[in-house]
C-alpha cells in the first residue's frame, strides 16, 4: 500500500496575497510545493491530498493541481472555521480556522492509508521523503505507530534572523517523548542558542532534532484528533485566536501511552521564506540543487 501525502495549504491565499502570486523560486518557475510533490512521487507516495480554502478552489485546480495530472492521484479537502464536531460551538466572531491539527482533521473522509503531513511552503529535501515513505510503508495495516522527521536544528536556521522551533525530547531508542517550542534560536559565537522562559541563553547541539511539521500517521490518528479537538473546543472555543496544533495531540497521546512516535533522522537541509530577505538565498539554494542534478531544471514537463 502506497502512503498518501497530505499538504497543508489552507493558509496560502493569505500568506502569498492570492494564488496567482504563488512565488516561483525554481529555474522553471517552480514553487517550493512543487519540489515536495516531486520528491514524494520519487519516494513512492501514491496520492496527494491538499487542504485548502474553498474560496480559491477554482484557481487552485487550474494553477496547482493541473500540473500534477498523470503523475499522481490528487484530492482536495477544505478547511473552514465552521467545520467542527457536532455538538460543539465556538465564538461567532472568530474568522480564522483552528490551526494545523484542525486542517489534518479535514482529511478524515479522504484518507484510509498511512499518511504524511507537510506544510505547503517548506522545502524539506529529498532524503526526508525517502525515510518518511519507508516508515509509512512499514506500518501499513497497523495502528498507533507514528513518526516525525526530526531535522538537525543547525540545518534549519535562517540567515536573516532568529527562528522558533519545536525542539524534540527523545528517548534512547529515538522515540519522541514531547515537543517543546523554543523561541529565538540562532547561531551566536559559533554556538546555537535559544532563549528560555527567563530570557536566558541556552546552548544546544547542532544535531538536536527539531520538528518542522513533517509527520507520519496511521489513520487512527483521525479519531484521536477528533476527540482531542472536542476537548480543545470545550476549553478554548470562545477564544478568537487559540489554535489546535499537531504537537498538542501527539504529546497528549504519548503521555497517555496510547501511541509511539519514532523520530526519523534526516541529513536534509530545511529552508523556507521565513523573512522577505530569505527569498534570494532560497533561490540560490534551489539553483545549486539543480546544478548538482538533484532536480531537473523543469520538474513537470
C-alpha atoms as a PDB file:
ATOM      1  CA  UNK A   1       0.000   0.000   0.000  1.00  0.00           C
ATOM      2  CA  UNK A   2       1.426   3.346  -1.019  1.00  0.00           C
ATOM      3  CA  UNK A   3       1.182   6.141   1.555  1.00  0.00           C
ATOM      4  CA  UNK A   4      -0.588   9.453   0.980  1.00  0.00           C
ATOM      5  CA  UNK A   5       0.938  12.922   1.234  1.00  0.00           C
ATOM      6  CA  UNK A   6      -1.328  15.431   2.997  1.00  0.00           C
ATOM      7  CA  UNK A   7      -0.341  19.028   2.209  1.00  0.00           C
ATOM      8  CA  UNK A   8      -1.466  21.859   4.486  1.00  0.00           C
ATOM      9  CA  UNK A   9      -2.206  24.650   2.025  1.00  0.00           C
ATOM     10  CA  UNK A  10      -5.226  26.429   3.507  1.00  0.00           C
ATOM     11  CA  UNK A  11      -3.164  29.450   4.520  1.00  0.00           C
ATOM     12  CA  UNK A  12      -1.617  30.037   1.115  1.00  0.00           C
ATOM     13  CA  UNK A  13      -4.109  32.628  -0.087  1.00  0.00           C
ATOM     14  CA  UNK A  14      -3.465  34.972   2.798  1.00  0.00           C
ATOM     15  CA  UNK A  15       0.296  34.426   3.034  1.00  0.00           C
ATOM     16  CA  UNK A  16       1.010  34.956  -0.649  1.00  0.00           C
ATOM     17  CA  UNK A  17      -1.639  37.541  -1.424  1.00  0.00           C
ATOM     18  CA  UNK A  18      -3.590  35.222  -3.706  1.00  0.00           C
ATOM     19  CA  UNK A  19      -2.781  32.050  -5.580  1.00  0.00           C
ATOM     20  CA  UNK A  20      -1.885  33.881  -8.765  1.00  0.00           C
ATOM     21  CA  UNK A  21       1.098  35.274  -6.905  1.00  0.00           C
ATOM     22  CA  UNK A  22       2.468  31.897  -5.796  1.00  0.00           C
ATOM     23  CA  UNK A  23       6.168  32.510  -5.763  1.00  0.00           C
ATOM     24  CA  UNK A  24       8.170  30.775  -8.464  1.00  0.00           C
ATOM     25  CA  UNK A  25      11.578  30.065  -6.952  1.00  0.00           C
ATOM     26  CA  UNK A  26      12.939  27.345  -9.240  1.00  0.00           C
ATOM     27  CA  UNK A  27      14.509  27.933 -12.668  1.00  0.00           C
ATOM     28  CA  UNK A  28      11.288  26.790 -14.358  1.00  0.00           C
ATOM     29  CA  UNK A  29       9.072  28.890 -12.089  1.00  0.00           C
ATOM     30  CA  UNK A  30       8.538  26.028  -9.623  1.00  0.00           C
ATOM     31  CA  UNK A  31       7.178  26.714  -6.152  1.00  0.00           C
ATOM     32  CA  UNK A  32       8.548  25.097  -3.020  1.00  0.00           C
ATOM     33  CA  UNK A  33       5.444  22.887  -3.001  1.00  0.00           C
ATOM     34  CA  UNK A  34       6.289  21.563  -6.465  1.00  0.00           C
ATOM     35  CA  UNK A  35       9.577  20.219  -5.142  1.00  0.00           C
ATOM     36  CA  UNK A  36       7.756  18.456  -2.298  1.00  0.00           C
ATOM     37  CA  UNK A  37       5.364  16.758  -4.711  1.00  0.00           C
ATOM     38  CA  UNK A  38       8.252  15.769  -6.986  1.00  0.00           C
ATOM     39  CA  UNK A  39      10.173  14.281  -4.042  1.00  0.00           C
ATOM     40  CA  UNK A  40       7.066  12.469  -2.775  1.00  0.00           C
ATOM     41  CA  UNK A  41       6.481  10.832  -6.159  1.00  0.00           C
ATOM     42  CA  UNK A  42      10.111   9.687  -6.293  1.00  0.00           C
ATOM     43  CA  UNK A  43       9.887   8.305  -2.749  1.00  0.00           C
ATOM     44  CA  UNK A  44       6.835   6.163  -3.531  1.00  0.00           C
ATOM     45  CA  UNK A  45       3.810   8.109  -2.341  1.00  0.00           C
ATOM     46  CA  UNK A  46       0.679   7.140  -4.261  1.00  0.00           C
ATOM     47  CA  UNK A  47      -1.635  10.081  -3.665  1.00  0.00           C
ATOM     48  CA  UNK A  48      -1.543  13.695  -2.577  1.00  0.00           C
ATOM     49  CA  UNK A  49      -4.377  15.413  -0.727  1.00  0.00           C
ATOM     50  CA  UNK A  50      -4.406  19.185  -0.385  1.00  0.00           C
ATOM     51  CA  UNK A  51      -6.353  21.002   2.304  1.00  0.00           C
ATOM     52  CA  UNK A  52      -7.261  24.476   1.064  1.00  0.00           C
ATOM     53  CA  UNK A  53      -9.893  27.164   1.498  1.00  0.00           C
ATOM     54  CA  UNK A  54     -12.996  26.531  -0.563  1.00  0.00           C
ATOM     55  CA  UNK A  55     -12.889  30.145  -1.770  1.00  0.00           C
ATOM     56  CA  UNK A  56      -9.889  29.517  -4.014  1.00  0.00           C
ATOM     57  CA  UNK A  57     -10.700  26.018  -5.249  1.00  0.00           C
ATOM     58  CA  UNK A  58     -11.089  27.104  -8.887  1.00  0.00           C
ATOM     59  CA  UNK A  59      -7.743  28.896  -9.052  1.00  0.00           C
ATOM     60  CA  UNK A  60      -6.016  26.144  -7.105  1.00  0.00           C
ATOM     61  CA  UNK A  61      -7.192  23.456  -9.502  1.00  0.00           C
ATOM     62  CA  UNK A  62      -6.151  25.496 -12.547  1.00  0.00           C
ATOM     63  CA  UNK A  63      -2.800  26.770 -11.268  1.00  0.00           C
ATOM     64  CA  UNK A  64      -1.607  23.997  -8.964  1.00  0.00           C
ATOM     65  CA  UNK A  65      -3.420  20.694  -9.479  1.00  0.00           C
ATOM     66  CA  UNK A  66      -3.338  20.598 -13.274  1.00  0.00           C
ATOM     67  CA  UNK A  67       0.456  20.319 -13.387  1.00  0.00           C
ATOM     68  CA  UNK A  68       0.349  17.006 -11.460  1.00  0.00           C
ATOM     69  CA  UNK A  69      -2.171  15.265 -13.720  1.00  0.00           C
ATOM     70  CA  UNK A  70      -0.956  11.880 -14.874  1.00  0.00           C
ATOM     71  CA  UNK A  71       1.828  11.890 -12.284  1.00  0.00           C
ATOM     72  CA  UNK A  72       0.000  11.175  -9.030  1.00  0.00           C
ATOM     73  CA  UNK A  73      -3.604  10.924  -7.814  1.00  0.00           C
ATOM     74  CA  UNK A  74      -4.827  14.215  -6.363  1.00  0.00           C
ATOM     75  CA  UNK A  75      -7.685  15.027  -3.999  1.00  0.00           C
ATOM     76  CA  UNK A  76      -8.758  18.272  -2.337  1.00  0.00           C
ATOM     77  CA  UNK A  77     -10.469  18.881   1.006  1.00  0.00           C
ATOM     78  CA  UNK A  78     -11.479  22.162   2.590  1.00  0.00           C
ATOM     79  CA  UNK A  79     -10.744  23.829   5.914  1.00  0.00           C
ATOM     80  CA  UNK A  80     -13.155  26.349   7.364  1.00  0.00           C
ATOM     81  CA  UNK A  81     -13.731  27.753  10.826  1.00  0.00           C
ATOM     82  CA  UNK A  82     -17.233  26.276  10.958  1.00  0.00           C
ATOM     83  CA  UNK A  83     -16.091  22.685  10.365  1.00  0.00           C
ATOM     84  CA  UNK A  84     -16.264  21.473  13.957  1.00  0.00           C
ATOM     85  CA  UNK A  85     -17.623  18.312  15.643  1.00  0.00           C
ATOM     86  CA  UNK A  86     -21.365  18.011  16.127  1.00  0.00           C
ATOM     87  CA  UNK A  87     -22.473  19.372  19.475  1.00  0.00           C
ATOM     88  CA  UNK A  88     -19.516  21.761  19.820  1.00  0.00           C
ATOM     89  CA  UNK A  89     -19.724  25.522  19.483  1.00  0.00           C
ATOM     90  CA  UNK A  90     -17.397  28.486  19.130  1.00  0.00           C
ATOM     91  CA  UNK A  91     -17.323  32.270  19.280  1.00  0.00           C
ATOM     92  CA  UNK A  92     -19.288  33.512  16.224  1.00  0.00           C
ATOM     93  CA  UNK A  93     -16.861  36.416  15.880  1.00  0.00           C
ATOM     94  CA  UNK A  94     -13.988  34.070  15.113  1.00  0.00           C
ATOM     95  CA  UNK A  95     -12.940  34.132  11.441  1.00  0.00           C
ATOM     96  CA  UNK A  96      -9.686  32.141  11.316  1.00  0.00           C
ATOM     97  CA  UNK A  97      -9.676  28.303  11.186  1.00  0.00           C
ATOM     98  CA  UNK A  98      -8.313  26.361  14.124  1.00  0.00           C
ATOM     99  CA  UNK A  99      -4.727  25.533  13.196  1.00  0.00           C
ATOM    100  CA  UNK A 100      -2.681  22.670  11.804  1.00  0.00           C
ATOM    101  CA  UNK A 101      -4.394  19.735  13.507  1.00  0.00           C
ATOM    102  CA  UNK A 102      -7.810  21.111  12.573  1.00  0.00           C
ATOM    103  CA  UNK A 103      -6.522  21.108   8.986  1.00  0.00           C
ATOM    104  CA  UNK A 104      -5.435  17.479   9.385  1.00  0.00           C
ATOM    105  CA  UNK A 105      -8.928  16.522  10.546  1.00  0.00           C
ATOM    106  CA  UNK A 106     -10.313  17.738   7.220  1.00  0.00           C
ATOM    107  CA  UNK A 107      -8.711  14.704   5.583  1.00  0.00           C
ATOM    108  CA  UNK A 108     -10.629  12.192   7.700  1.00  0.00           C
ATOM    109  CA  UNK A 109     -13.001  11.108   4.929  1.00  0.00           C
ATOM    110  CA  UNK A 110     -10.386  11.189   2.156  1.00  0.00           C
ATOM    111  CA  UNK A 111      -7.552   9.124   3.653  1.00  0.00           C
ATOM    112  CA  UNK A 112      -7.659   5.456   4.687  1.00  0.00           C
ATOM    113  CA  UNK A 113      -3.960   4.567   4.492  1.00  0.00           C
ATOM    114  CA  UNK A 114      -0.822   5.690   6.380  1.00  0.00           C
ATOM    115  CA  UNK A 115      -0.165   9.319   5.530  1.00  0.00           C
ATOM    116  CA  UNK A 116       2.359  12.100   5.872  1.00  0.00           C
ATOM    117  CA  UNK A 117       1.627  15.714   6.772  1.00  0.00           C
ATOM    118  CA  UNK A 118       3.708  18.641   5.499  1.00  0.00           C
ATOM    119  CA  UNK A 119       3.445  22.401   5.138  1.00  0.00           C
ATOM    120  CA  UNK A 120       2.940  23.676   1.603  1.00  0.00           C
ATOM    121  CA  UNK A 121       5.608  26.368   1.856  1.00  0.00           C
ATOM    122  CA  UNK A 122       8.526  24.490   3.454  1.00  0.00           C
ATOM    123  CA  UNK A 123      11.374  22.874   1.493  1.00  0.00           C
ATOM    124  CA  UNK A 124      12.023  19.506   3.142  1.00  0.00           C
ATOM    125  CA  UNK A 125      14.552  17.803   0.887  1.00  0.00           C
ATOM    126  CA  UNK A 126      14.676  14.519  -0.989  1.00  0.00           C
ATOM    127  CA  UNK A 127      16.110  12.347   1.821  1.00  0.00           C
ATOM    128  CA  UNK A 128      13.309  13.311   4.207  1.00  0.00           C
ATOM    129  CA  UNK A 129      10.598  11.996   1.891  1.00  0.00           C
ATOM    130  CA  UNK A 130      12.518   8.742   1.437  1.00  0.00           C
ATOM    131  CA  UNK A 131      12.758   7.948   5.174  1.00  0.00           C
ATOM    132  CA  UNK A 132       9.164   9.049   5.696  1.00  0.00           C
ATOM    133  CA  UNK A 133       7.815   6.841   2.890  1.00  0.00           C
ATOM    134  CA  UNK A 134       9.802   3.852   4.144  1.00  0.00           C
ATOM    135  CA  UNK A 135       8.364   4.197   7.647  1.00  0.00           C
ATOM    136  CA  UNK A 136       4.771   4.614   6.450  1.00  0.00           C
ATOM    137  CA  UNK A 137       5.030   1.596   4.153  1.00  0.00           C
ATOM    138  CA  UNK A 138       6.339  -0.461   7.088  1.00  0.00           C
ATOM    139  CA  UNK A 139       3.282   0.311   9.290  1.00  0.00           C
ATOM    140  CA  UNK A 140       0.558  -0.300   6.685  1.00  0.00           C
ATOM    141  CA  UNK A 141      -2.351  -2.103   8.347  1.00  0.00           C
ATOM    142  CA  UNK A 142      -1.146  -1.260  11.865  1.00  0.00           C
ATOM    143  CA  UNK A 143      -2.348   1.272  14.429  1.00  0.00           C
ATOM    144  CA  UNK A 144      -0.845   3.802  16.803  1.00  0.00           C
ATOM    145  CA  UNK A 145       2.546   3.923  15.080  1.00  0.00           C
ATOM    146  CA  UNK A 146       3.533   7.432  14.135  1.00  0.00           C
ATOM    147  CA  UNK A 147       6.709   9.198  13.145  1.00  0.00           C
ATOM    148  CA  UNK A 148       8.154  12.648  12.785  1.00  0.00           C
ATOM    149  CA  UNK A 149      11.086  13.698  10.633  1.00  0.00           C
ATOM    150  CA  UNK A 150      13.494  15.304  13.074  1.00  0.00           C
ATOM    151  CA  UNK A 151      15.638  17.922  11.402  1.00  0.00           C
ATOM    152  CA  UNK A 152      19.020  18.762  12.853  1.00  0.00           C
ATOM    153  CA  UNK A 153      18.494  22.245  14.249  1.00  0.00           C
ATOM    154  CA  UNK A 154      21.673  23.508  12.603  1.00  0.00           C
ATOM    155  CA  UNK A 155      20.141  22.649   9.227  1.00  0.00           C
ATOM    156  CA  UNK A 156      17.039  24.777   9.835  1.00  0.00           C
ATOM    157  CA  UNK A 157      18.381  28.209  10.741  1.00  0.00           C
ATOM    158  CA  UNK A 158      17.674  31.389   8.820  1.00  0.00           C
ATOM    159  CA  UNK A 159      20.470  33.664   7.706  1.00  0.00           C
ATOM    160  CA  UNK A 160      18.146  36.629   8.164  1.00  0.00           C
ATOM    161  CA  UNK A 161      17.276  36.335  11.851  1.00  0.00           C
ATOM    162  CA  UNK A 162      16.270  34.164  14.783  1.00  0.00           C
ATOM    163  CA  UNK A 163      13.630  31.450  14.399  1.00  0.00           C
ATOM    164  CA  UNK A 164      11.268  29.426  16.593  1.00  0.00           C
ATOM    165  CA  UNK A 165      11.424  25.640  16.516  1.00  0.00           C
ATOM    166  CA  UNK A 166       9.775  22.709  18.246  1.00  0.00           C
ATOM    167  CA  UNK A 167      12.720  21.061  19.997  1.00  0.00           C
ATOM    168  CA  UNK A 168      12.234  17.300  20.367  1.00  0.00           C
ATOM    169  CA  UNK A 169      12.875  15.406  23.567  1.00  0.00           C
ATOM    170  CA  UNK A 170      13.619  11.780  22.597  1.00  0.00           C
ATOM    171  CA  UNK A 171      14.448   8.579  24.467  1.00  0.00           C
ATOM    172  CA  UNK A 172      17.462   6.333  23.856  1.00  0.00           C
ATOM    173  CA  UNK A 173      15.589   4.472  21.093  1.00  0.00           C
ATOM    174  CA  UNK A 174      14.799   7.735  19.252  1.00  0.00           C
ATOM    175  CA  UNK A 175      11.124   7.738  20.150  1.00  0.00           C
ATOM    176  CA  UNK A 176       9.544  11.100  20.826  1.00  0.00           C
ATOM    177  CA  UNK A 177       8.776  12.000  24.441  1.00  0.00           C
ATOM    178  CA  UNK A 178       7.479  15.501  23.730  1.00  0.00           C
ATOM    179  CA  UNK A 179       7.986  18.625  21.628  1.00  0.00           C
ATOM    180  CA  UNK A 180       8.894  21.874  23.385  1.00  0.00           C
ATOM    181  CA  UNK A 181       8.520  25.145  21.495  1.00  0.00           C
ATOM    182  CA  UNK A 182      11.684  27.232  21.769  1.00  0.00           C
ATOM    183  CA  UNK A 183      11.982  30.811  20.553  1.00  0.00           C
ATOM    184  CA  UNK A 184      14.790  32.973  19.288  1.00  0.00           C
ATOM    185  CA  UNK A 185      17.009  30.173  18.029  1.00  0.00           C
ATOM    186  CA  UNK A 186      20.096  31.411  16.216  1.00  0.00           C
ATOM    187  CA  UNK A 187      23.789  30.834  15.729  1.00  0.00           C
ATOM    188  CA  UNK A 188      25.853  33.027  18.003  1.00  0.00           C
ATOM    189  CA  UNK A 189      29.589  32.944  18.554  1.00  0.00           C
ATOM    190  CA  UNK A 190      29.927  29.566  16.893  1.00  0.00           C
ATOM    191  CA  UNK A 191      27.159  28.007  19.020  1.00  0.00           C
ATOM    192  CA  UNK A 192      23.421  27.565  18.553  1.00  0.00           C
ATOM    193  CA  UNK A 193      21.355  29.111  21.329  1.00  0.00           C
ATOM    194  CA  UNK A 194      17.722  29.686  22.247  1.00  0.00           C
ATOM    195  CA  UNK A 195      16.104  31.870  24.890  1.00  0.00           C
ATOM    196  CA  UNK A 196      14.455  30.063  27.793  1.00  0.00           C
ATOM    197  CA  UNK A 197      11.390  31.196  29.749  1.00  0.00           C
ATOM    198  CA  UNK A 198      13.525  33.617  31.776  1.00  0.00           C
ATOM    199  CA  UNK A 199      15.154  35.102  28.698  1.00  0.00           C
ATOM    200  CA  UNK A 200      18.477  33.399  29.383  1.00  0.00           C
ATOM    201  CA  UNK A 201      20.536  31.964  26.537  1.00  0.00           C
ATOM    202  CA  UNK A 202      20.739  28.161  26.427  1.00  0.00           C
ATOM    203  CA  UNK A 203      23.142  26.360  24.094  1.00  0.00           C
ATOM    204  CA  UNK A 204      22.025  23.291  22.122  1.00  0.00           C
ATOM    205  CA  UNK A 205      23.928  20.957  19.815  1.00  0.00           C
ATOM    206  CA  UNK A 206      23.875  21.291  16.024  1.00  0.00           C
ATOM    207  CA  UNK A 207      22.288  17.836  15.670  1.00  0.00           C
ATOM    208  CA  UNK A 208      19.464  18.432  18.189  1.00  0.00           C
ATOM    209  CA  UNK A 209      16.267  17.213  16.457  1.00  0.00           C
ATOM    210  CA  UNK A 210      13.535  19.765  15.835  1.00  0.00           C
ATOM    211  CA  UNK A 211      10.087  19.486  14.305  1.00  0.00           C
ATOM    212  CA  UNK A 212       9.427  21.206  11.001  1.00  0.00           C
ATOM    213  CA  UNK A 213       5.855  19.899  10.831  1.00  0.00           C
ATOM    214  CA  UNK A 214       6.714  16.800   8.805  1.00  0.00           C
ATOM    215  CA  UNK A 215       4.751  13.959  10.392  1.00  0.00           C
ATOM    216  CA  UNK A 216       3.675  10.419   9.562  1.00  0.00           C
ATOM    217  CA  UNK A 217       0.494   8.826  10.927  1.00  0.00           C
ATOM    218  CA  UNK A 218      -1.571   5.682  10.700  1.00  0.00           C
ATOM    219  CA  UNK A 219      -5.254   6.512  10.010  1.00  0.00           C
ATOM    220  CA  UNK A 220      -6.347   6.004  13.638  1.00  0.00           C
ATOM    221  CA  UNK A 221      -4.858   9.431  14.255  1.00  0.00           C
ATOM    222  CA  UNK A 222      -8.038  10.997  12.881  1.00  0.00           C
ATOM    223  CA  UNK A 223     -10.213   9.526  15.639  1.00  0.00           C
ATOM    224  CA  UNK A 224      -7.778  10.582  18.338  1.00  0.00           C
ATOM    225  CA  UNK A 225      -7.631  14.087  16.869  1.00  0.00           C
ATOM    226  CA  UNK A 226     -11.405  14.389  16.735  1.00  0.00           C
ATOM    227  CA  UNK A 227     -11.666  13.634  20.449  1.00  0.00           C
ATOM    228  CA  UNK A 228      -8.766  15.956  21.217  1.00  0.00           C
ATOM    229  CA  UNK A 229     -10.403  18.733  19.188  1.00  0.00           C
ATOM    230  CA  UNK A 230     -13.673  18.313  21.092  1.00  0.00           C
ATOM    231  CA  UNK A 231     -11.749  18.769  24.344  1.00  0.00           C
ATOM    232  CA  UNK A 232      -9.895  21.744  22.877  1.00  0.00           C
ATOM    233  CA  UNK A 233     -13.131  23.478  21.879  1.00  0.00           C
ATOM    234  CA  UNK A 234     -14.663  22.927  25.306  1.00  0.00           C
ATOM    235  CA  UNK A 235     -11.769  24.919  26.775  1.00  0.00           C
ATOM    236  CA  UNK A 236     -10.890  27.381  24.025  1.00  0.00           C
ATOM    237  CA  UNK A 237     -13.881  27.545  21.690  1.00  0.00           C
ATOM    238  CA  UNK A 238     -14.834  31.063  22.730  1.00  0.00           C
ATOM    239  CA  UNK A 239     -11.339  32.431  22.109  1.00  0.00           C
ATOM    240  CA  UNK A 240     -10.632  34.247  18.867  1.00  0.00           C
ATOM    241  CA  UNK A 241      -7.021  33.208  18.258  1.00  0.00           C
ATOM    242  CA  UNK A 242      -6.294  29.910  20.058  1.00  0.00           C
ATOM    243  CA  UNK A 243      -5.050  27.225  17.653  1.00  0.00           C
ATOM    244  CA  UNK A 244      -5.234  23.442  17.685  1.00  0.00           C
ATOM    245  CA  UNK A 245      -1.716  22.324  16.757  1.00  0.00           C
ATOM    246  CA  UNK A 246      -0.484  18.844  15.825  1.00  0.00           C
ATOM    247  CA  UNK A 247       2.071  18.584  18.694  1.00  0.00           C
ATOM    248  CA  UNK A 248      -0.711  19.216  21.221  1.00  0.00           C
ATOM    249  CA  UNK A 249      -2.476  15.969  20.293  1.00  0.00           C
ATOM    250  CA  UNK A 250       0.718  13.972  19.712  1.00  0.00           C
ATOM    251  CA  UNK A 251       2.128  14.996  23.099  1.00  0.00           C
ATOM    252  CA  UNK A 252      -1.156  14.034  24.779  1.00  0.00           C
ATOM    253  CA  UNK A 253      -1.210  10.594  23.160  1.00  0.00           C
ATOM    254  CA  UNK A 254       2.419   9.871  24.006  1.00  0.00           C
ATOM    255  CA  UNK A 255       1.905  10.940  27.634  1.00  0.00           C
ATOM    256  CA  UNK A 256      -1.103   8.616  27.898  1.00  0.00           C
ATOM    257  CA  UNK A 257       0.929   5.764  26.412  1.00  0.00           C
ATOM    258  CA  UNK A 258      -1.513   5.241  23.545  1.00  0.00           C
ATOM    259  CA  UNK A 259       0.906   5.697  20.645  1.00  0.00           C
ATOM    260  CA  UNK A 260       4.575   5.677  19.738  1.00  0.00           C
ATOM    261  CA  UNK A 261       6.241   8.291  17.553  1.00  0.00           C
ATOM    262  CA  UNK A 262       9.596   7.458  16.017  1.00  0.00           C
ATOM    263  CA  UNK A 263      11.867  10.442  15.326  1.00  0.00           C
ATOM    264  CA  UNK A 264      13.471   9.857  11.921  1.00  0.00           C
ATOM    265  CA  UNK A 265      16.830  11.499  11.336  1.00  0.00           C
ATOM    266  CA  UNK A 266      17.451  13.298   8.061  1.00  0.00           C
ATOM    267  CA  UNK A 267      20.555  14.968   6.637  1.00  0.00           C
ATOM    268  CA  UNK A 268      18.322  17.249   4.550  1.00  0.00           C
ATOM    269  CA  UNK A 269      18.580  20.973   4.990  1.00  0.00           C
ATOM    270  CA  UNK A 270      15.228  22.627   5.562  1.00  0.00           C
ATOM    271  CA  UNK A 271      14.614  26.066   4.170  1.00  0.00           C
ATOM    272  CA  UNK A 272      11.757  28.429   3.568  1.00  0.00           C
ATOM    273  CA  UNK A 273      10.923  32.087   3.255  1.00  0.00           C
ATOM    274  CA  UNK A 274      10.618  32.965   6.941  1.00  0.00           C
ATOM    275  CA  UNK A 275      11.657  36.545   6.189  1.00  0.00           C
ATOM    276  CA  UNK A 276      11.372  38.500   2.923  1.00  0.00           C
ATOM    277  CA  UNK A 277      15.162  38.649   2.972  1.00  0.00           C
ATOM    278  CA  UNK A 278      15.286  34.849   2.755  1.00  0.00           C
ATOM    279  CA  UNK A 279      13.965  34.708  -0.789  1.00  0.00           C
ATOM    280  CA  UNK A 280      17.241  35.338  -2.687  1.00  0.00           C
ATOM    281  CA  UNK A 281      19.009  32.692  -0.601  1.00  0.00           C
ATOM    282  CA  UNK A 282      16.231  30.159  -1.250  1.00  0.00           C
ATOM    283  CA  UNK A 283      16.520  30.775  -4.994  1.00  0.00           C
ATOM    284  CA  UNK A 284      20.283  30.247  -4.809  1.00  0.00           C
ATOM    285  CA  UNK A 285      19.878  27.028  -2.811  1.00  0.00           C
ATOM    286  CA  UNK A 286      17.396  25.591  -5.283  1.00  0.00           C
ATOM    287  CA  UNK A 287      19.574  26.562  -8.240  1.00  0.00           C
ATOM    288  CA  UNK A 288      22.524  24.837  -6.583  1.00  0.00           C
ATOM    289  CA  UNK A 289      20.474  21.629  -6.179  1.00  0.00           C
ATOM    290  CA  UNK A 290      19.576  21.860  -9.870  1.00  0.00           C
ATOM    291  CA  UNK A 291      23.222  22.422 -10.783  1.00  0.00           C
ATOM    292  CA  UNK A 292      24.132  19.267  -8.827  1.00  0.00           C
ATOM    293  CA  UNK A 293      21.356  17.432 -10.725  1.00  0.00           C
ATOM    294  CA  UNK A 294      19.373  16.605  -7.580  1.00  0.00           C
ATOM    295  CA  UNK A 295      16.457  18.116  -9.522  1.00  0.00           C
ATOM    296  CA  UNK A 296      15.930  18.728 -13.225  1.00  0.00           C
ATOM    297  CA  UNK A 297      15.688  22.280 -14.499  1.00  0.00           C
ATOM    298  CA  UNK A 298      11.987  21.767 -15.163  1.00  0.00           C
ATOM    299  CA  UNK A 299      10.178  19.454 -12.767  1.00  0.00           C
ATOM    300  CA  UNK A 300       6.931  18.817 -14.649  1.00  0.00           C
ATOM    301  CA  UNK A 301       7.236  18.862 -18.420  1.00  0.00           C
END
